[in-house]
Amino acid sequence: IVVPIDNSLAGWVVRHGEPSLVEDVRNDPRFFRGVDETIDFETRNLLGVPMIAHNRVIGVVQAVNKRPGSQWTEDDINTLTTLAAQAAVAIENARLFQQSDLIEEMVHELRAPLMGLRASTTLLLRPDLPEHRRREIIQAVQNEVDRLTRMTTEFLDLARLESGRARLEISLFDCATLIEETVEIVRQQAAERYINIQVQAEPITLEADRGKVKRVILNLLTNAIKYNRDHGEIFVRAQPLVQGDHPPRMARLEVQDTGRGMSEESQQHMFEKFYRASDVAGSTQGTGLGLVIAKRIVEAHGGEIGFHSTLGVGTTFYFTLPMQPPA
């Protein structure tokens, strides 16, 4: 569940870096009711304190619904502030370990292509190398440099997402328009293999970071083309995610292909860093970070991402994002 920075008590705590105590949330315009509506809960009163690491607010800890007849005290604020400080240290330490692992993985992934580039450049120095072979090696070097450039760019993006330094620029936008816009980017690529793309999107206004959502859709579409069969189909769908009697607050988007599907082994590793499935025809290699970045983006919005795949039938990736409830 995404809580907006501008219109919520948690957002106020983040912006001001100090506790917020509200004895009756019904009388406070800063209270965001979306969480209560989604989980069928009633917040009556609330105490929120900032989680601070290195003089930066990285989150908020909230306690709600003090027992009837009693009020929040200074001791409550001090206790919750202490807990928030301990939680901030734990989260920051976990991030540091995570970044260390990511750097180690990145160095490992870079080593092999760099050694390949070195071998190629050594060959280019040979005076007896035929001209056609020289051109082939130069093309291979250019392709590998392009892949390394993409990999380092995606590595930096992933590092920002995992460290919490990547800010979401939340806005309201039409989901169907964004899907059509993204489909146009890959339509020629799909046409080269006679793959038809169909869009089935209901009228939905998403409340998310438009650029990052576009990146998720583009990654899934690119994979759907890459792992599809010639003359295949791709279906892109979007619809409100209905839960009980409450107005929908999340939308579900799907990208379905009619490709060969994924093996059980591939499915187990699908969201692992630098994993590249071997079930693809041709020699095109990705960075192995696209789906990991997509997962981090979706989760940063409070959504979920997953897939189901059947060998010989195809694969469907789906994810959820916050939407503006219908009027």
Protein backbone atom coordinates (compact mmCIF):
# COMPACT_ATOMS: atom_id res chain seq x y z
CA ILE A 1 0.00 0.00 0.00
CA VAL A 2 1.56 3.28 -1.09
CA VAL A 3 1.12 6.18 1.33
CA PRO A 4 1.54 9.57 -0.36
CA ILE A 5 4.17 11.96 0.99
CA ASP A 6 2.07 15.08 0.46
CA ASN A 7 -1.22 14.02 2.04
CA SER A 8 -0.46 11.75 4.96
CA LEU A 9 0.76 11.89 8.55
CA ALA A 10 3.65 9.58 7.65
CA GLY A 11 4.63 12.00 4.88
CA TRP A 12 4.51 14.90 7.33
CA VAL A 13 6.90 13.04 9.65
CA VAL A 14 9.27 12.33 6.74
CA ARG A 15 9.29 15.96 5.61
CA HIS A 16 9.69 17.48 9.08
CA GLY A 17 11.85 14.80 10.68
CA GLU A 18 9.98 14.96 13.98
CA PRO A 19 7.22 13.03 15.81
CA SER A 20 3.54 13.54 15.05
CA LEU A 21 0.88 12.85 17.70
CA VAL A 22 -2.79 12.92 16.73
CA GLU A 23 -5.45 12.08 19.33
CA ASP A 24 -8.31 12.00 16.80
CA VAL A 25 -7.39 11.35 13.17
CA ARG A 26 -10.92 12.20 12.01
CA ASN A 27 -10.19 15.85 12.73
CA ASP A 28 -6.78 15.92 11.04
CA PRO A 29 -6.75 16.62 7.27
CA ARG A 30 -3.29 15.03 6.97
CA PHE A 31 -4.63 11.56 7.77
CA PHE A 32 -4.55 9.21 4.76
CA ARG A 33 -7.57 6.89 4.85
CA GLY A 34 -6.45 4.60 2.05
CA VAL A 35 -4.76 2.08 4.36
CA ASP A 36 -7.82 1.71 6.60
CA GLU A 37 -10.09 1.28 3.57
CA THR A 38 -7.84 -1.35 2.02
CA ILE A 39 -7.36 -3.54 5.11
CA ASP A 40 -10.77 -2.85 6.66
CA PHE A 41 -9.37 -1.20 9.80
CA GLU A 42 -10.29 1.89 11.82
CA THR A 43 -7.51 4.14 13.07
CA ARG A 44 -8.68 6.41 15.89
CA ASN A 45 -5.45 7.96 17.13
CA LEU A 46 -1.85 7.77 16.03
CA LEU A 47 1.73 8.42 17.07
CA GLY A 48 4.42 8.48 14.39
CA VAL A 49 8.18 9.01 14.75
CA PRO A 50 10.92 9.21 12.11
CA MET A 51 13.54 6.52 11.47
CA ILE A 52 16.79 8.44 11.01
CA ALA A 53 20.09 7.14 9.66
CA HIS A 54 23.06 9.41 8.89
CA ASN A 55 20.88 12.48 9.45
CA ARG A 56 18.40 11.29 6.81
CA VAL A 57 14.84 10.10 7.36
CA ILE A 58 14.58 6.60 5.86
CA GLY A 59 11.15 5.65 7.18
CA VAL A 60 8.45 6.10 9.81
CA VAL A 61 7.34 3.96 12.75
CA GLN A 62 3.71 4.42 13.79
CA ALA A 63 1.69 3.21 16.76
CA VAL A 64 -2.09 3.44 16.55
CA ASN A 65 -5.14 3.25 18.79
CA LYS A 66 -4.01 3.90 22.34
CA ARG A 67 -6.35 2.15 24.78
CA PRO A 68 -9.68 3.96 25.30
CA GLY A 69 -9.52 6.39 28.19
CA SER A 70 -5.76 6.90 28.00
CA GLN A 71 -3.64 9.38 26.06
CA TRP A 72 -0.23 9.33 24.45
CA THR A 73 2.53 10.51 26.79
CA GLU A 74 6.08 11.77 26.51
CA ASP A 75 7.25 8.31 27.60
CA ASP A 76 5.39 6.81 24.64
CA ILE A 77 7.18 9.19 22.27
CA ASN A 78 10.58 8.41 23.80
CA THR A 79 9.97 4.64 23.68
CA LEU A 80 8.84 4.68 20.06
CA THR A 81 11.72 6.98 19.11
CA THR A 82 14.19 4.51 20.65
CA LEU A 83 12.61 1.62 18.74
CA ALA A 84 12.71 3.65 15.52
CA ALA A 85 16.40 4.42 16.02
CA GLN A 86 17.22 0.73 16.53
CA ALA A 87 15.19 -0.21 13.46
CA ALA A 88 16.95 2.46 11.38
CA VAL A 89 20.38 1.08 12.34
CA ALA A 90 19.30 -2.47 11.48
CA ILE A 91 17.90 -1.41 8.09
CA GLU A 92 20.97 0.66 7.25
CA ASN A 93 23.30 -2.22 8.13
CA ALA A 94 21.24 -4.57 5.96
CA ARG A 95 21.50 -2.12 3.06
CA LEU A 96 25.28 -1.92 3.43
CA PHE A 97 25.60 -5.71 3.35
CA GLN A 98 23.27 -5.83 0.35
CA GLN A 99 25.34 -3.25 -1.53
CA SER A 100 28.53 -5.17 -0.72
CA ASP A 101 27.03 -8.36 -2.18
CA LEU A 102 25.82 -6.47 -5.25
CA ILE A 103 29.29 -5.02 -5.92
CA GLU A 104 30.88 -8.45 -5.55
CA GLU A 105 28.38 -9.93 -8.02
CA MET A 106 28.95 -7.06 -10.45
CA VAL A 107 32.73 -7.49 -10.42
CA HIS A 108 32.27 -11.20 -11.08
CA GLU A 109 29.95 -10.51 -14.02
CA LEU A 110 32.30 -7.94 -15.54
CA ARG A 111 35.39 -10.13 -15.37
CA ALA A 112 34.45 -12.58 -18.15
CA PRO A 113 33.45 -10.02 -20.84
CA LEU A 114 36.49 -7.87 -20.05
CA MET A 115 38.76 -10.88 -20.55
CA GLY A 116 36.95 -11.54 -23.83
CA LEU A 117 37.55 -7.96 -24.95
CA ARG A 118 41.22 -8.28 -24.10
CA ALA A 119 41.53 -11.45 -26.18
CA SER A 120 39.73 -9.80 -29.10
CA THR A 121 41.95 -6.72 -29.08
CA THR A 122 45.02 -8.97 -28.97
CA LEU A 123 43.80 -10.71 -32.12
CA LEU A 124 43.26 -7.36 -33.84
CA LEU A 125 46.96 -6.58 -33.40
CA ARG A 126 47.99 -9.57 -35.50
CA PRO A 127 49.32 -8.36 -38.88
CA ASP A 128 48.28 -11.57 -40.65
CA LEU A 129 44.61 -11.31 -39.62
CA PRO A 130 42.30 -11.43 -42.70
CA GLU A 131 40.24 -8.29 -43.26
CA HIS A 132 36.86 -10.09 -43.04
CA ARG A 133 37.91 -11.64 -39.72
CA ARG A 134 39.02 -8.23 -38.47
CA ARG A 135 35.58 -6.77 -39.23
CA GLU A 136 33.88 -9.66 -37.42
CA ILE A 137 35.99 -9.10 -34.31
CA ILE A 138 35.39 -5.34 -34.34
CA GLN A 139 31.61 -5.95 -34.54
CA ALA A 140 31.82 -8.45 -31.67
CA VAL A 141 33.79 -5.94 -29.59
CA GLN A 142 31.21 -3.21 -30.27
CA ASN A 143 28.37 -5.53 -29.25
CA GLU A 144 30.14 -6.48 -26.03
CA VAL A 145 30.89 -2.84 -25.19
CA ASP A 146 27.20 -2.01 -25.69
CA ARG A 147 26.23 -4.85 -23.36
CA LEU A 148 28.73 -3.71 -20.72
CA THR A 149 27.35 -0.17 -20.97
CA ARG A 150 23.80 -1.45 -20.42
CA MET A 151 24.97 -3.64 -17.56
CA THR A 152 26.76 -0.83 -15.70
CA THR A 153 23.80 1.51 -16.21
CA GLU A 154 21.36 -1.07 -14.86
CA PHE A 155 23.74 -1.89 -12.03
CA LEU A 156 23.72 1.76 -10.93
CA ASP A 157 19.92 1.89 -11.23
CA LEU A 158 19.57 -1.25 -9.12
CA ALA A 159 22.01 0.09 -6.52
CA ARG A 160 19.91 3.26 -6.20
CA LEU A 161 16.71 1.25 -5.84
CA GLU A 162 18.16 -1.09 -3.22
CA SER A 163 19.74 1.74 -1.23
CA GLY A 164 16.53 3.77 -1.17
CA ARG A 165 18.16 6.67 -3.08
CA ALA A 166 15.86 6.29 -6.07
CA ARG A 167 12.94 8.68 -5.59
CA LEU A 168 9.52 7.94 -7.02
CA GLU A 169 7.97 10.85 -8.92
CA ILE A 170 4.32 10.03 -8.30
CA SER A 171 1.70 11.42 -10.67
CA LEU A 172 -1.70 10.50 -12.08
CA PHE A 173 -1.73 9.17 -15.65
CA ASP A 174 -3.81 7.04 -18.00
CA CYS A 175 -2.69 3.42 -17.99
CA ALA A 176 -3.89 2.54 -21.52
CA THR A 177 -2.05 5.51 -23.03
CA LEU A 178 1.20 4.47 -21.38
CA ILE A 179 0.79 0.88 -22.56
CA GLU A 180 0.15 1.93 -26.18
CA GLU A 181 3.11 4.30 -26.01
CA THR A 182 5.38 1.50 -24.79
CA VAL A 183 4.06 -1.04 -27.30
CA GLU A 184 4.99 1.33 -30.14
CA ILE A 185 8.63 1.18 -29.02
CA VAL A 186 8.81 -2.59 -29.60
CA ARG A 187 6.28 -2.99 -32.41
CA GLN A 188 8.90 -3.07 -35.19
CA GLN A 189 10.99 -5.56 -33.22
CA ALA A 190 7.92 -7.79 -32.89
CA ALA A 191 6.96 -7.36 -36.56
CA GLU A 192 10.36 -8.66 -37.68
CA ARG A 193 9.34 -12.02 -36.21
CA TYR A 194 5.66 -11.68 -37.21
CA ILE A 195 4.59 -11.41 -33.57
CA ASN A 196 1.23 -9.71 -33.03
CA ILE A 197 0.72 -7.51 -29.94
CA GLN A 198 -2.82 -6.96 -28.63
CA VAL A 199 -3.70 -4.45 -25.90
CA GLN A 200 -6.75 -5.02 -23.69
CA ALA A 201 -6.73 -2.19 -21.14
CA GLU A 202 -9.70 -0.97 -19.12
CA PRO A 203 -9.94 2.76 -18.27
CA ILE A 204 -7.57 3.12 -15.31
CA THR A 205 -5.78 6.11 -13.82
CA LEU A 206 -2.56 4.94 -12.21
CA GLU A 207 -0.97 6.80 -9.28
CA ALA A 208 2.69 5.98 -9.75
CA ASP A 209 6.02 7.01 -11.26
CA ARG A 210 5.21 7.08 -14.98
CA GLY A 211 8.78 6.71 -16.20
CA LYS A 212 9.54 3.76 -13.95
CA VAL A 213 6.26 1.99 -14.77
CA LYS A 214 7.05 2.42 -18.47
CA ARG A 215 10.40 0.77 -17.82
CA VAL A 216 8.72 -2.25 -16.20
CA ILE A 217 6.28 -2.68 -19.11
CA LEU A 218 9.08 -2.26 -21.67
CA ASN A 219 11.19 -4.91 -19.95
CA LEU A 220 8.33 -7.41 -19.90
CA LEU A 221 7.43 -6.69 -23.54
CA THR A 222 11.05 -7.10 -24.64
CA ASN A 223 11.26 -10.45 -22.86
CA ALA A 224 7.91 -11.54 -24.33
CA ILE A 225 9.27 -10.92 -27.83
CA LYS A 226 12.66 -12.46 -27.10
CA TYR A 227 11.24 -15.69 -25.66
CA ASN A 228 8.29 -15.96 -28.06
CA ARG A 229 7.97 -18.05 -31.20
CA ASP A 230 7.78 -16.62 -34.71
CA HIS A 231 4.17 -15.74 -35.67
CA GLY A 232 3.35 -15.70 -31.95
CA GLU A 233 1.03 -13.49 -29.91
CA ILE A 234 1.52 -11.07 -27.02
CA PHE A 235 -1.41 -9.85 -24.93
CA VAL A 236 -1.07 -6.79 -22.68
CA ARG A 237 -3.92 -6.38 -20.20
CA ALA A 238 -4.81 -3.90 -17.47
CA GLN A 239 -7.77 -3.99 -15.11
CA PRO A 240 -8.73 -2.86 -11.59
CA LEU A 241 -7.94 -5.35 -8.83
CA VAL A 242 -11.25 -5.78 -7.01
CA GLN A 243 -11.07 -6.81 -3.34
CA GLY A 244 -14.33 -7.18 -1.43
CA ASP A 245 -16.80 -4.31 -1.43
CA HIS A 246 -14.18 -1.54 -1.30
CA PRO A 247 -13.39 0.60 -4.35
CA PRO A 248 -10.29 -0.81 -6.08
CA ARG A 249 -7.05 0.91 -5.08
CA MET A 250 -4.71 -1.33 -7.08
CA ALA A 251 -4.57 -2.22 -10.77
CA ARG A 252 -3.28 -5.47 -12.24
CA LEU A 253 -1.24 -5.41 -15.44
CA GLU A 254 -0.28 -8.51 -17.43
CA VAL A 255 2.05 -9.32 -20.32
CA GLN A 256 1.30 -12.76 -21.80
CA ASP A 257 3.25 -14.46 -24.57
CA THR A 258 2.69 -17.65 -26.56
CA GLY A 259 6.32 -18.73 -26.46
CA ARG A 260 7.95 -21.95 -25.39
CA GLY A 261 7.43 -21.30 -21.68
CA MET A 262 10.04 -21.67 -18.96
CA SER A 263 11.62 -24.74 -17.44
CA GLU A 264 11.18 -25.35 -13.71
CA GLU A 265 14.83 -24.45 -13.19
CA SER A 266 14.43 -21.10 -14.92
CA GLN A 267 11.32 -20.32 -12.89
CA GLN A 268 13.20 -20.86 -9.63
CA HIS A 269 15.85 -18.27 -10.55
CA MET A 270 13.77 -15.77 -12.49
CA PHE A 271 14.20 -12.81 -10.09
CA GLU A 272 17.85 -13.48 -9.21
CA LYS A 273 20.47 -10.89 -10.13
CA PHE A 274 22.39 -11.58 -13.35
CA TYR A 275 20.35 -14.70 -14.13
CA ARG A 276 19.76 -15.21 -17.86
CA ALA A 277 17.48 -18.02 -18.96
CA SER A 278 18.90 -20.50 -21.45
CA ASP A 279 15.47 -21.21 -22.97
CA VAL A 280 15.83 -18.50 -25.62
CA ALA A 281 16.38 -18.98 -29.31
CA GLY A 282 19.25 -17.03 -30.85
CA SER A 283 22.29 -15.54 -29.20
CA THR A 284 20.93 -12.24 -27.86
CA GLN A 285 22.12 -11.74 -24.31
CA GLY A 286 20.63 -9.46 -21.71
CA THR A 287 22.23 -8.10 -18.57
CA GLY A 288 20.33 -10.34 -16.18
CA LEU A 289 19.15 -7.31 -14.19
CA GLY A 290 15.99 -6.22 -16.01
CA LEU A 291 13.52 -8.34 -14.04
CA VAL A 292 15.27 -7.59 -10.75
CA ILE A 293 14.92 -3.86 -11.42
CA ALA A 294 11.28 -4.34 -12.45
CA LYS A 295 10.61 -6.17 -9.18
CA ARG A 296 12.23 -3.42 -7.11
CA ILE A 297 10.23 -0.73 -8.93
CA VAL A 298 6.92 -2.53 -8.42
CA GLU A 299 7.66 -3.22 -4.75
CA ALA A 300 8.70 0.41 -4.20
CA HIS A 301 5.14 1.33 -5.25
CA GLY A 302 3.70 -1.13 -2.74
CA GLY A 303 2.77 -3.60 -5.48
CA GLU A 304 3.59 -7.22 -6.23
CA ILE A 305 5.05 -8.93 -9.30
CA GLY A 306 4.92 -12.57 -10.31
CA PHE A 307 4.47 -14.96 -13.21
CA HIS A 308 3.14 -18.33 -14.28
CA SER A 309 4.57 -20.35 -17.13
CA THR A 310 3.82 -23.61 -18.91
CA LEU A 311 6.28 -25.33 -21.21
CA GLY A 312 5.01 -25.34 -24.78
CA VAL A 313 2.24 -22.83 -23.98
CA GLY A 314 3.85 -19.58 -22.85
CA THR A 315 4.44 -17.24 -19.94
CA THR A 316 2.41 -14.51 -18.25
CA PHE A 317 4.04 -11.86 -16.06
CA TYR A 318 1.73 -9.78 -13.89
CA PHE A 319 2.18 -6.92 -11.43
CA THR A 320 0.05 -4.56 -9.37
CA LEU A 321 0.26 -0.79 -8.97
CA PRO A 322 -1.70 1.88 -7.08
CA MET A 323 -4.59 3.41 -8.98
CA GLN A 324 -6.95 6.28 -8.39
CA PRO A 325 -10.26 4.83 -7.17
CA PRO A 326 -13.20 5.41 -9.53
CA ALA A 327 -15.26 8.49 -8.71
